[in-house]
Amino acid sequence: IMAEHSKFIRGLLDPSEEELFSIADEFGSEFDRLTKKALDAINNRIPAEKVTQESLRATKAIRKFKAQATEGILDCNIRSIIIPLLGDHTLREANHYLRLLRTFES
């Protein structure tokens, strides 16, 4: 779901927010890649611990991005059609995903 969040956040940003477009695109690609790696781990092709650690790192980074973006939206420093409540919702989902990932840490 982190990849989907990145992609729809990008779609709701004003076209003038080029730097945020780029960041959202990078997160979308990274989480698409991690999803493929997770499927490989399920099929025992790669160690699950490695994917878990990569996912934790990426999720911490996107949580920071979402927190900063939500704050920027609230402060009217980011141009978008994102309502702050949606930003907060995606931030809470990132926090939930982090809790789940931590249960798989070895």
PDB file of N, CA and C in Angstrom:
ATOM      1  N   ILE A   1       0.821  -1.205   0.000  1.00  0.00           N
ATOM      2  CA  ILE A   1       0.000   0.000   0.000  1.00  0.00           C
ATOM      3  C   ILE A   1       0.864   1.269   0.000  1.00  0.00           C
ATOM      4  N   MET A   2       2.122   1.147   0.435  1.00  0.00           N
ATOM      5  CA  MET A   2       2.997   2.324   0.429  1.00  0.00           C
ATOM      6  C   MET A   2       3.258   2.801  -1.004  1.00  0.00           C
ATOM      7  N   ALA A   3       3.372   1.876  -1.949  1.00  0.00           N
ATOM      8  CA  ALA A   3       3.567   2.272  -3.357  1.00  0.00           C
ATOM      9  C   ALA A   3       2.345   3.030  -3.861  1.00  0.00           C
ATOM     10  N   GLU A   4       1.159   2.513  -3.541  1.00  0.00           N
ATOM     11  CA  GLU A   4      -0.072   3.177  -3.979  1.00  0.00           C
ATOM     12  C   GLU A   4      -0.192   4.564  -3.365  1.00  0.00           C
ATOM     13  N   HIS A   5       0.162   4.688  -2.085  1.00  0.00           N
ATOM     14  CA  HIS A   5       0.124   6.003  -1.441  1.00  0.00           C
ATOM     15  C   HIS A   5       1.022   6.982  -2.191  1.00  0.00           C
ATOM     16  N   SER A   6       2.226   6.550  -2.510  1.00  0.00           N
ATOM     17  CA  SER A   6       3.165   7.428  -3.215  1.00  0.00           C
ATOM     18  C   SER A   6       2.584   7.902  -4.537  1.00  0.00           C
ATOM     19  N   LYS A   7       1.951   6.979  -5.237  1.00  0.00           N
ATOM     20  CA  LYS A   7       1.422   7.300  -6.562  1.00  0.00           C
ATOM     21  C   LYS A   7       0.214   8.231  -6.494  1.00  0.00           C
ATOM     22  N   PHE A   8      -0.686   8.015  -5.531  1.00  0.00           N
ATOM     23  CA  PHE A   8      -1.836   8.923  -5.503  1.00  0.00           C
ATOM     24  C   PHE A   8      -1.477  10.262  -4.878  1.00  0.00           C
ATOM     25  N   ILE A   9      -0.489  10.280  -3.963  1.00  0.00           N
ATOM     26  CA  ILE A   9      -0.019  11.566  -3.439  1.00  0.00           C
ATOM     27  C   ILE A   9       0.538  12.400  -4.591  1.00  0.00           C
ATOM     28  N   ARG A  10       1.328  11.762  -5.442  1.00  0.00           N
ATOM     29  CA  ARG A  10       1.893  12.462  -6.596  1.00  0.00           C
ATOM     30  C   ARG A  10       0.784  13.030  -7.476  1.00  0.00           C
ATOM     31  N   GLY A  11      -0.264  12.260  -7.663  1.00  0.00           N
ATOM     32  CA  GLY A  11      -1.364  12.693  -8.508  1.00  0.00           C
ATOM     33  C   GLY A  11      -2.174  13.842  -7.938  1.00  0.00           C
ATOM     34  N   LEU A  12      -2.084  14.052  -6.635  1.00  0.00           N
ATOM     35  CA  LEU A  12      -2.847  15.122  -5.996  1.00  0.00           C
ATOM     36  C   LEU A  12      -2.024  16.387  -5.756  1.00  0.00           C
ATOM     37  N   LEU A  13      -0.740  16.321  -6.093  1.00  0.00           N
ATOM     38  CA  LEU A  13       0.112  17.499  -5.949  1.00  0.00           C
ATOM     39  C   LEU A  13      -0.094  18.455  -7.116  1.00  0.00           C
ATOM     40  N   ASP A  14       0.099  19.730  -6.849  1.00  0.00           N
ATOM     41  CA  ASP A  14       0.073  20.736  -7.901  1.00  0.00           C
ATOM     42  C   ASP A  14       1.276  20.500  -8.822  1.00  0.00           C
ATOM     43  N   PRO A  15       1.112  20.693 -10.133  1.00  0.00           N
ATOM     44  CA  PRO A  15       2.234  20.483 -11.063  1.00  0.00           C
ATOM     45  C   PRO A  15       3.482  21.309 -10.743  1.00  0.00           C
ATOM     46  N   SER A  16       3.328  22.379  -9.992  1.00  0.00           N
ATOM     47  CA  SER A  16       4.493  23.198  -9.635  1.00  0.00           C
ATOM     48  C   SER A  16       5.386  22.530  -8.590  1.00  0.00           C
ATOM     49  N   GLU A  17       4.908  21.487  -7.954  1.00  0.00           N
ATOM     50  CA  GLU A  17       5.665  20.799  -6.894  1.00  0.00           C
ATOM     51  C   GLU A  17       6.569  19.709  -7.491  1.00  0.00           C
ATOM     52  N   GLU A  18       7.458  20.128  -8.391  1.00  0.00           N
ATOM     53  CA  GLU A  18       8.293  19.179  -9.135  1.00  0.00           C
ATOM     54  C   GLU A  18       9.184  18.328  -8.237  1.00  0.00           C
ATOM     55  N   GLU A  19       9.769  18.919  -7.220  1.00  0.00           N
ATOM     56  CA  GLU A  19      10.648  18.155  -6.320  1.00  0.00           C
ATOM     57  C   GLU A  19       9.859  17.068  -5.594  1.00  0.00           C
ATOM     58  N   LEU A  20       8.657  17.402  -5.141  1.00  0.00           N
ATOM     59  CA  LEU A  20       7.825  16.409  -4.453  1.00  0.00           C
ATOM     60  C   LEU A  20       7.347  15.330  -5.422  1.00  0.00           C
ATOM     61  N   PHE A  21       7.107  15.703  -6.685  1.00  0.00           N
ATOM     62  CA  PHE A  21       6.773  14.704  -7.717  1.00  0.00           C
ATOM     63  C   PHE A  21       7.876  13.655  -7.772  1.00  0.00           C
ATOM     64  N   SER A  22       9.104  14.144  -7.848  1.00  0.00           N
ATOM     65  CA  SER A  22      10.261  13.258  -7.976  1.00  0.00           C
ATOM     66  C   SER A  22      10.390  12.341  -6.764  1.00  0.00           C
ATOM     67  N   ILE A  23      10.223  12.896  -5.581  1.00  0.00           N
ATOM     68  CA  ILE A  23      10.321  12.094  -4.355  1.00  0.00           C
ATOM     69  C   ILE A  23       9.224  11.036  -4.326  1.00  0.00           C
ATOM     70  N   ALA A  24       8.005  11.431  -4.642  1.00  0.00           N
ATOM     71  CA  ALA A  24       6.890  10.474  -4.653  1.00  0.00           C
ATOM     72  C   ALA A  24       7.124   9.375  -5.687  1.00  0.00           C
ATOM     73  N   ASP A  25       7.638   9.745  -6.858  1.00  0.00           N
ATOM     74  CA  ASP A  25       7.953   8.748  -7.890  1.00  0.00           C
ATOM     75  C   ASP A  25       8.993   7.750  -7.391  1.00  0.00           C
ATOM     76  N   GLU A  26      10.021   8.258  -6.719  1.00  0.00           N
ATOM     77  CA  GLU A  26      11.075   7.385  -6.188  1.00  0.00           C
ATOM     78  C   GLU A  26      10.507   6.409  -5.165  1.00  0.00           C
ATOM     79  N   PHE A  27       9.661   6.904  -4.270  1.00  0.00           N
ATOM     80  CA  PHE A  27       9.048   6.010  -3.285  1.00  0.00           C
ATOM     81  C   PHE A  27       8.160   4.972  -3.963  1.00  0.00           C
ATOM     82  N   GLY A  28       7.392   5.383  -4.951  1.00  0.00           N
ATOM     83  CA  GLY A  28       6.541   4.438  -5.667  1.00  0.00           C
ATOM     84  C   GLY A  28       7.356   3.316  -6.288  1.00  0.00           C
ATOM     85  N   SER A  29       8.450   3.678  -6.942  1.00  0.00           N
ATOM     86  CA  SER A  29       9.323   2.672  -7.559  1.00  0.00           C
ATOM     87  C   SER A  29       9.974   1.776  -6.517  1.00  0.00           C
ATOM     88  N   GLU A  30      10.427   2.388  -5.429  1.00  0.00           N
ATOM     89  CA  GLU A  30      11.086   1.601  -4.381  1.00  0.00           C
ATOM     90  C   GLU A  30      10.132   0.583  -3.765  1.00  0.00           C
ATOM     91  N   PHE A  31       8.912   0.989  -3.484  1.00  0.00           N
ATOM     92  CA  PHE A  31       7.969   0.049  -2.875  1.00  0.00           C
ATOM     93  C   PHE A  31       7.457  -0.983  -3.878  1.00  0.00           C
ATOM     94  N   ASP A  32       7.403  -0.651  -5.156  1.00  0.00           N
ATOM     95  CA  ASP A  32       7.094  -1.670  -6.169  1.00  0.00           C
ATOM     96  C   ASP A  32       8.191  -2.736  -6.172  1.00  0.00           C
ATOM     97  N   ARG A  33       9.446  -2.296  -6.104  1.00  0.00           N
ATOM     98  CA  ARG A  33      10.581  -3.217  -6.077  1.00  0.00           C
ATOM     99  C   ARG A  33      10.537  -4.081  -4.817  1.00  0.00           C
ATOM    100  N   LEU A  34      10.237  -3.472  -3.683  1.00  0.00           N
ATOM    101  CA  LEU A  34      10.170  -4.223  -2.426  1.00  0.00           C
ATOM    102  C   LEU A  34       9.027  -5.231  -2.431  1.00  0.00           C
ATOM    103  N   THR A  35       7.927  -4.901  -3.080  1.00  0.00           N
ATOM    104  CA  THR A  35       6.815  -5.851  -3.189  1.00  0.00           C
ATOM    105  C   THR A  35       7.260  -7.089  -3.958  1.00  0.00           C
ATOM    106  N   LYS A  36       7.998  -6.887  -5.040  1.00  0.00           N
ATOM    107  CA  LYS A  36       8.512  -8.026  -5.813  1.00  0.00           C
ATOM    108  C   LYS A  36       9.481  -8.856  -4.979  1.00  0.00           C
ATOM    109  N   LYS A  37      10.327  -8.172  -4.204  1.00  0.00           N
ATOM    110  CA  LYS A  37      11.270  -8.898  -3.349  1.00  0.00           C
ATOM    111  C   LYS A  37      10.533  -9.684  -2.265  1.00  0.00           C
ATOM    112  N   ALA A  38       9.460  -9.122  -1.738  1.00  0.00           N
ATOM    113  CA  ALA A  38       8.680  -9.831  -0.716  1.00  0.00           C
ATOM    114  C   ALA A  38       8.071 -11.099  -1.299  1.00  0.00           C
ATOM    115  N   LEU A  39       7.609 -11.024  -2.528  1.00  0.00           N
ATOM    116  CA  LEU A  39       7.075 -12.226  -3.187  1.00  0.00           C
ATOM    117  C   LEU A  39       8.171 -13.267  -3.384  1.00  0.00           C
ATOM    118  N   ASP A  40       9.372 -12.819  -3.721  1.00  0.00           N
ATOM    119  CA  ASP A  40      10.501 -13.746  -3.835  1.00  0.00           C
ATOM    120  C   ASP A  40      10.824 -14.379  -2.485  1.00  0.00           C
ATOM    121  N   ALA A  41      10.709 -13.606  -1.422  1.00  0.00           N
ATOM    122  CA  ALA A  41      10.964 -14.148  -0.084  1.00  0.00           C
ATOM    123  C   ALA A  41       9.907 -15.180   0.292  1.00  0.00           C
ATOM    124  N   ILE A  42       8.668 -14.926  -0.070  1.00  0.00           N
ATOM    125  CA  ILE A  42       7.594 -15.892   0.199  1.00  0.00           C
ATOM    126  C   ILE A  42       7.894 -17.210  -0.502  1.00  0.00           C
ATOM    127  N   ASN A  43       8.468 -17.124  -1.695  1.00  0.00           N
ATOM    128  CA  ASN A  43       8.810 -18.322  -2.470  1.00  0.00           C
ATOM    129  C   ASN A  43      10.210 -18.849  -2.142  1.00  0.00           C
ATOM    130  N   ASN A  44      10.788 -18.361  -1.045  1.00  0.00           N
ATOM    131  CA  ASN A  44      12.101 -18.799  -0.548  1.00  0.00           C
ATOM    132  C   ASN A  44      13.240 -18.576  -1.539  1.00  0.00           C
ATOM    133  N   ARG A  45      13.128 -17.580  -2.382  1.00  0.00           N
ATOM    134  CA  ARG A  45      14.206 -17.269  -3.325  1.00  0.00           C
ATOM    135  C   ARG A  45      15.233 -16.316  -2.724  1.00  0.00           C
ATOM    136  N   ILE A  46      14.800 -15.527  -1.745  1.00  0.00           N
ATOM    137  CA  ILE A  46      15.719 -14.629  -1.043  1.00  0.00           C
ATOM    138  C   ILE A  46      15.350 -14.638   0.433  1.00  0.00           C
ATOM    139  N   PRO A  47      16.289 -14.272   1.311  1.00  0.00           N
ATOM    140  CA  PRO A  47      15.997 -14.267   2.751  1.00  0.00           C
ATOM    141  C   PRO A  47      14.958 -13.203   3.129  1.00  0.00           C
ATOM    142  N   ALA A  48      13.968 -13.619   3.880  1.00  0.00           N
ATOM    143  CA  ALA A  48      12.909 -12.695   4.310  1.00  0.00           C
ATOM    144  C   ALA A  48      13.465 -11.585   5.195  1.00  0.00           C
ATOM    145  N   GLU A  49      14.491 -11.894   5.983  1.00  0.00           N
ATOM    146  CA  GLU A  49      15.063 -10.894   6.889  1.00  0.00           C
ATOM    147  C   GLU A  49      15.602  -9.690   6.120  1.00  0.00           C
ATOM    148  N   LYS A  50      16.205  -9.961   4.972  1.00  0.00           N
ATOM    149  CA  LYS A  50      16.759  -8.868   4.164  1.00  0.00           C
ATOM    150  C   LYS A  50      15.645  -7.954   3.655  1.00  0.00           C
ATOM    151  N   VAL A  51      14.578  -8.546   3.179  1.00  0.00           N
ATOM    152  CA  VAL A  51      13.453  -7.754   2.671  1.00  0.00           C
ATOM    153  C   VAL A  51      12.812  -6.966   3.812  1.00  0.00           C
ATOM    154  N   THR A  52      12.700  -7.592   4.975  1.00  0.00           N
ATOM    155  CA  THR A  52      12.121  -6.906   6.135  1.00  0.00           C
ATOM    156  C   THR A  52      12.947  -5.680   6.494  1.00  0.00           C
ATOM    157  N   GLN A  53      14.262  -5.824   6.532  1.00  0.00           N
ATOM    158  CA  GLN A  53      15.127  -4.689   6.876  1.00  0.00           C
ATOM    159  C   GLN A  53      15.037  -3.577   5.831  1.00  0.00           C
ATOM    160  N   GLU A  54      15.024  -3.949   4.559  1.00  0.00           N
ATOM    161  CA  GLU A  54      14.889  -2.942   3.496  1.00  0.00           C
ATOM    162  C   GLU A  54      13.534  -2.242   3.586  1.00  0.00           C
ATOM    163  N   SER A  55      12.505  -3.008   3.892  1.00  0.00           N
ATOM    164  CA  SER A  55      11.153  -2.442   4.005  1.00  0.00           C
ATOM    165  C   SER A  55      11.048  -1.513   5.205  1.00  0.00           C
ATOM    166  N   LEU A  56      11.683  -1.882   6.311  1.00  0.00           N
ATOM    167  CA  LEU A  56      11.696  -1.004   7.485  1.00  0.00           C
ATOM    168  C   LEU A  56      12.364   0.328   7.154  1.00  0.00           C
ATOM    169  N   ARG A  57      13.519   0.266   6.509  1.00  0.00           N
ATOM    170  CA  ARG A  57      14.239   1.484   6.157  1.00  0.00           C
ATOM    171  C   ARG A  57      13.394   2.364   5.232  1.00  0.00           C
ATOM    172  N   ALA A  58      12.815   1.761   4.201  1.00  0.00           N
ATOM    173  CA  ALA A  58      12.012   2.522   3.237  1.00  0.00           C
ATOM    174  C   ALA A  58      10.750   3.088   3.885  1.00  0.00           C
ATOM    175  N   THR A  59      10.137   2.327   4.779  1.00  0.00           N
ATOM    176  CA  THR A  59       8.905   2.785   5.421  1.00  0.00           C
ATOM    177  C   THR A  59       9.188   3.919   6.397  1.00  0.00           C
ATOM    178  N   LYS A  60      10.317   3.860   7.086  1.00  0.00           N
ATOM    179  CA  LYS A  60      10.697   4.984   7.958  1.00  0.00           C
ATOM    180  C   LYS A  60      10.894   6.251   7.120  1.00  0.00           C
ATOM    181  N   ALA A  61      11.498   6.085   5.951  1.00  0.00           N
ATOM    182  CA  ALA A  61      11.736   7.242   5.076  1.00  0.00           C
ATOM    183  C   ALA A  61      10.421   7.813   4.545  1.00  0.00           C
ATOM    184  N   ILE A  62       9.509   6.945   4.120  1.00  0.00           N
ATOM    185  CA  ILE A  62       8.240   7.463   3.586  1.00  0.00           C
ATOM    186  C   ILE A  62       7.378   8.037   4.711  1.00  0.00           C
ATOM    187  N   ARG A  63       7.499   7.482   5.917  1.00  0.00           N
ATOM    188  CA  ARG A  63       6.760   8.057   7.047  1.00  0.00           C
ATOM    189  C   ARG A  63       7.230   9.491   7.282  1.00  0.00           C
ATOM    190  N   LYS A  64       8.543   9.709   7.214  1.00  0.00           N
ATOM    191  CA  LYS A  64       9.081  11.059   7.391  1.00  0.00           C
ATOM    192  C   LYS A  64       8.566  11.983   6.283  1.00  0.00           C
ATOM    193  N   PHE A  65       8.574  11.496   5.050  1.00  0.00           N
ATOM    194  CA  PHE A  65       8.063  12.269   3.911  1.00  0.00           C
ATOM    195  C   PHE A  65       6.595  12.630   4.120  1.00  0.00           C
ATOM    196  N   LYS A  66       5.795  11.655   4.540  1.00  0.00           N
ATOM    197  CA  LYS A  66       4.363  11.898   4.750  1.00  0.00           C
ATOM    198  C   LYS A  66       4.134  12.892   5.883  1.00  0.00           C
ATOM    199  N   ALA A  67       4.918  12.781   6.953  1.00  0.00           N
ATOM    200  CA  ALA A  67       4.777  13.713   8.078  1.00  0.00           C
ATOM    201  C   ALA A  67       5.119  15.136   7.637  1.00  0.00           C
ATOM    202  N   GLN A  68       6.232  15.277   6.907  1.00  0.00           N
ATOM    203  CA  GLN A  68       6.628  16.606   6.431  1.00  0.00           C
ATOM    204  C   GLN A  68       5.620  17.159   5.427  1.00  0.00           C
ATOM    205  N   ALA A  69       5.114  16.294   4.564  1.00  0.00           N
ATOM    206  CA  ALA A  69       4.132  16.736   3.570  1.00  0.00           C
ATOM    207  C   ALA A  69       2.831  17.164   4.242  1.00  0.00           C
ATOM    208  N   THR A  70       2.379  16.391   5.214  1.00  0.00           N
ATOM    209  CA  THR A  70       1.150  16.752   5.928  1.00  0.00           C
ATOM    210  C   THR A  70       1.318  18.099   6.618  1.00  0.00           C
ATOM    211  N   GLU A  71       2.477  18.300   7.244  1.00  0.00           N
ATOM    212  CA  GLU A  71       2.757  19.579   7.899  1.00  0.00           C
ATOM    213  C   GLU A  71       2.799  20.711   6.865  1.00  0.00           C
ATOM    214  N   GLY A  72       3.416  20.447   5.725  1.00  0.00           N
ATOM    215  CA  GLY A  72       3.484  21.453   4.661  1.00  0.00           C
ATOM    216  C   GLY A  72       2.117  21.810   4.109  1.00  0.00           C
ATOM    217  N   ILE A  73       1.251  20.821   4.025  1.00  0.00           N
ATOM    218  CA  ILE A  73      -0.118  21.069   3.554  1.00  0.00           C
ATOM    219  C   ILE A  73      -0.876  21.906   4.582  1.00  0.00           C
ATOM    220  N   LEU A  74      -0.744  21.534   5.852  1.00  0.00           N
ATOM    221  CA  LEU A  74      -1.414  22.289   6.922  1.00  0.00           C
ATOM    222  C   LEU A  74      -0.945  23.743   6.968  1.00  0.00           C
ATOM    223  N   ASP A  75       0.351  23.951   6.725  1.00  0.00           N
ATOM    224  CA  ASP A  75       0.921  25.301   6.767  1.00  0.00           C
ATOM    225  C   ASP A  75       0.776  26.052   5.442  1.00  0.00           C
ATOM    226  N   CYS A  76       0.100  25.430   4.471  1.00  0.00           N
ATOM    227  CA  CYS A  76      -0.093  26.017   3.136  1.00  0.00           C
ATOM    228  C   CYS A  76       1.233  26.289   2.419  1.00  0.00           C
ATOM    229  N   ASN A  77       2.237  25.461   2.693  1.00  0.00           N
ATOM    230  CA  ASN A  77       3.528  25.577   2.024  1.00  0.00           C
ATOM    231  C   ASN A  77       3.657  24.625   0.840  1.00  0.00           C
ATOM    232  N   ILE A  78       2.711  23.707   0.704  1.00  0.00           N
ATOM    233  CA  ILE A  78       2.699  22.752  -0.402  1.00  0.00           C
ATOM    234  C   ILE A  78       1.403  22.948  -1.168  1.00  0.00           C
ATOM    235  N   ARG A  79       1.540  23.093  -2.465  1.00  0.00           N
ATOM    236  CA  ARG A  79       0.355  23.244  -3.316  1.00  0.00           C
ATOM    237  C   ARG A  79      -0.141  21.863  -3.721  1.00  0.00           C
ATOM    238  N   SER A  80      -1.407  21.613  -3.405  1.00  0.00           N
ATOM    239  CA  SER A  80      -2.000  20.312  -3.734  1.00  0.00           C
ATOM    240  C   SER A  80      -3.506  20.393  -3.538  1.00  0.00           C
ATOM    241  N   ILE A  81      -4.168  19.303  -3.921  1.00  0.00           N
ATOM    242  CA  ILE A  81      -5.590  19.174  -3.606  1.00  0.00           C
ATOM    243  C   ILE A  81      -5.787  18.106  -2.525  1.00  0.00           C
ATOM    244  N   ILE A  82      -4.711  17.830  -1.797  1.00  0.00           N
ATOM    245  CA  ILE A  82      -4.757  16.861  -0.697  1.00  0.00           C
ATOM    246  C   ILE A  82      -5.304  17.565   0.538  1.00  0.00           C
ATOM    247  N   ILE A  83      -6.318  16.989   1.148  1.00  0.00           N
ATOM    248  CA  ILE A  83      -6.799  17.545   2.409  1.00  0.00           C
ATOM    249  C   ILE A  83      -5.892  17.010   3.528  1.00  0.00           C
ATOM    250  N   PRO A  84      -5.645  17.805   4.554  1.00  0.00           N
ATOM    251  CA  PRO A  84      -4.755  17.362   5.629  1.00  0.00           C
ATOM    252  C   PRO A  84      -5.172  16.035   6.267  1.00  0.00           C
ATOM    253  N   LEU A  85      -6.459  15.773   6.344  1.00  0.00           N
ATOM    254  CA  LEU A  85      -6.923  14.522   6.939  1.00  0.00           C
ATOM    255  C   LEU A  85      -6.436  13.316   6.142  1.00  0.00           C
ATOM    256  N   LEU A  86      -6.365  13.438   4.818  1.00  0.00           N
ATOM    257  CA  LEU A  86      -5.843  12.348   3.994  1.00  0.00           C
ATOM    258  C   LEU A  86      -4.349  12.160   4.249  1.00  0.00           C
ATOM    259  N   GLY A  87      -3.621  13.254   4.369  1.00  0.00           N
ATOM    260  CA  GLY A  87      -2.200  13.160   4.699  1.00  0.00           C
ATOM    261  C   GLY A  87      -1.990  12.456   6.024  1.00  0.00           C
ATOM    262  N   ASP A  88      -2.791  12.817   7.014  1.00  0.00           N
ATOM    263  CA  ASP A  88      -2.700  12.175   8.327  1.00  0.00           C
ATOM    264  C   ASP A  88      -3.048  10.692   8.237  1.00  0.00           C
ATOM    265  N   HIS A  89      -4.046  10.360   7.448  1.00  0.00           N
ATOM    266  CA  HIS A  89      -4.447   8.962   7.273  1.00  0.00           C
ATOM    267  C   HIS A  89      -3.291   8.137   6.708  1.00  0.00           C
ATOM    268  N   THR A  90      -2.623   8.649   5.662  1.00  0.00           N
ATOM    269  CA  THR A  90      -1.520   7.892   5.068  1.00  0.00           C
ATOM    270  C   THR A  90      -0.351   7.781   6.049  1.00  0.00           C
ATOM    271  N   LEU A  91      -0.155   8.788   6.861  1.00  0.00           N
ATOM    272  CA  LEU A  91       0.887   8.742   7.888  1.00  0.00           C
ATOM    273  C   LEU A  91       0.573   7.663   8.926  1.00  0.00           C
ATOM    274  N   ARG A  92      -0.680   7.592   9.350  1.00  0.00           N
ATOM    275  CA  ARG A  92      -1.068   6.551  10.317  1.00  0.00           C
ATOM    276  C   ARG A  92      -0.900   5.158   9.725  1.00  0.00           C
ATOM    277  N   GLU A  93      -1.182   5.005   8.430  1.00  0.00           N
ATOM    278  CA  GLU A  93      -0.991   3.697   7.793  1.00  0.00           C
ATOM    279  C   GLU A  93       0.485   3.328   7.731  1.00  0.00           C
ATOM    280  N   ALA A  94       1.352   4.292   7.501  1.00  0.00           N
ATOM    281  CA  ALA A  94       2.798   4.018   7.514  1.00  0.00           C
ATOM    282  C   ALA A  94       3.228   3.574   8.908  1.00  0.00           C
ATOM    283  N   ASN A  95       2.717   4.231   9.939  1.00  0.00           N
ATOM    284  CA  ASN A  95       3.037   3.826  11.316  1.00  0.00           C
ATOM    285  C   ASN A  95       2.543   2.414  11.604  1.00  0.00           C
ATOM    286  N   HIS A  96       1.370   2.082  11.128  1.00  0.00           N
ATOM    287  CA  HIS A  96       0.825   0.732  11.315  1.00  0.00           C
ATOM    288  C   HIS A  96       1.699  -0.298  10.599  1.00  0.00           C
ATOM    289  N   TYR A  97       2.106   0.007   9.383  1.00  0.00           N
ATOM    290  CA  TYR A  97       2.955  -0.911   8.617  1.00  0.00           C
ATOM    291  C   TYR A  97       4.296  -1.118   9.325  1.00  0.00           C
ATOM    292  N   LEU A  98       4.842  -0.055   9.906  1.00  0.00           N
ATOM    293  CA  LEU A  98       6.087  -0.195  10.674  1.00  0.00           C
ATOM    294  C   LEU A  98       5.901  -1.148  11.847  1.00  0.00           C
ATOM    295  N   ARG A  99       4.778  -1.024  12.541  1.00  0.00           N
ATOM    296  CA  ARG A  99       4.512  -1.945  13.665  1.00  0.00           C
ATOM    297  C   ARG A  99       4.460  -3.386  13.176  1.00  0.00           C
ATOM    298  N   LEU A 100       3.807  -3.609  12.041  1.00  0.00           N
ATOM    299  CA  LEU A 100       3.731  -4.967  11.490  1.00  0.00           C
ATOM    300  C   LEU A 100       5.112  -5.481  11.096  1.00  0.00           C
ATOM    301  N   LEU A 101       5.891  -4.658  10.422  1.00  0.00           N
ATOM    302  CA  LEU A 101       7.229  -5.079  10.002  1.00  0.00           C
ATOM    303  C   LEU A 101       8.099  -5.440  11.197  1.00  0.00           C
ATOM    304  N   ARG A 102       7.963  -4.688  12.276  1.00  0.00           N
ATOM    305  CA  ARG A 102       8.793  -4.958  13.466  1.00  0.00           C
ATOM    306  C   ARG A 102       8.484  -6.315  14.084  1.00  0.00           C
ATOM    307  N   THR A 103       7.283  -6.836  13.848  1.00  0.00           N
ATOM    308  CA  THR A 103       6.972  -8.176  14.373  1.00  0.00           C
ATOM    309  C   THR A 103       7.739  -9.254  13.617  1.00  0.00           C
ATOM    310  N   PHE A 104       8.235  -8.938  12.413  1.00  0.00           N
ATOM    311  CA  PHE A 104       8.984  -9.907  11.609  1.00  0.00           C
ATOM    312  C   PHE A 104      10.491  -9.754  11.742  1.00  0.00           C
ATOM    313  N   GLU A 105      10.937  -8.751  12.510  1.00  0.00           N
ATOM    314  CA  GLU A 105      12.377  -8.575  12.700  1.00  0.00           C
ATOM    315  C   GLU A 105      12.943  -9.764  13.454  1.00  0.00           C
ATOM    316  N   SER A 106      14.163 -10.145  13.062  1.00  0.00           N
ATOM    317  CA  SER A 106      14.791 -11.267  13.776  1.00  0.00           C
ATOM    318  C   SER A 106      15.826 -10.784  14.755  1.00  0.00           C
TER     319      SER A 106
END
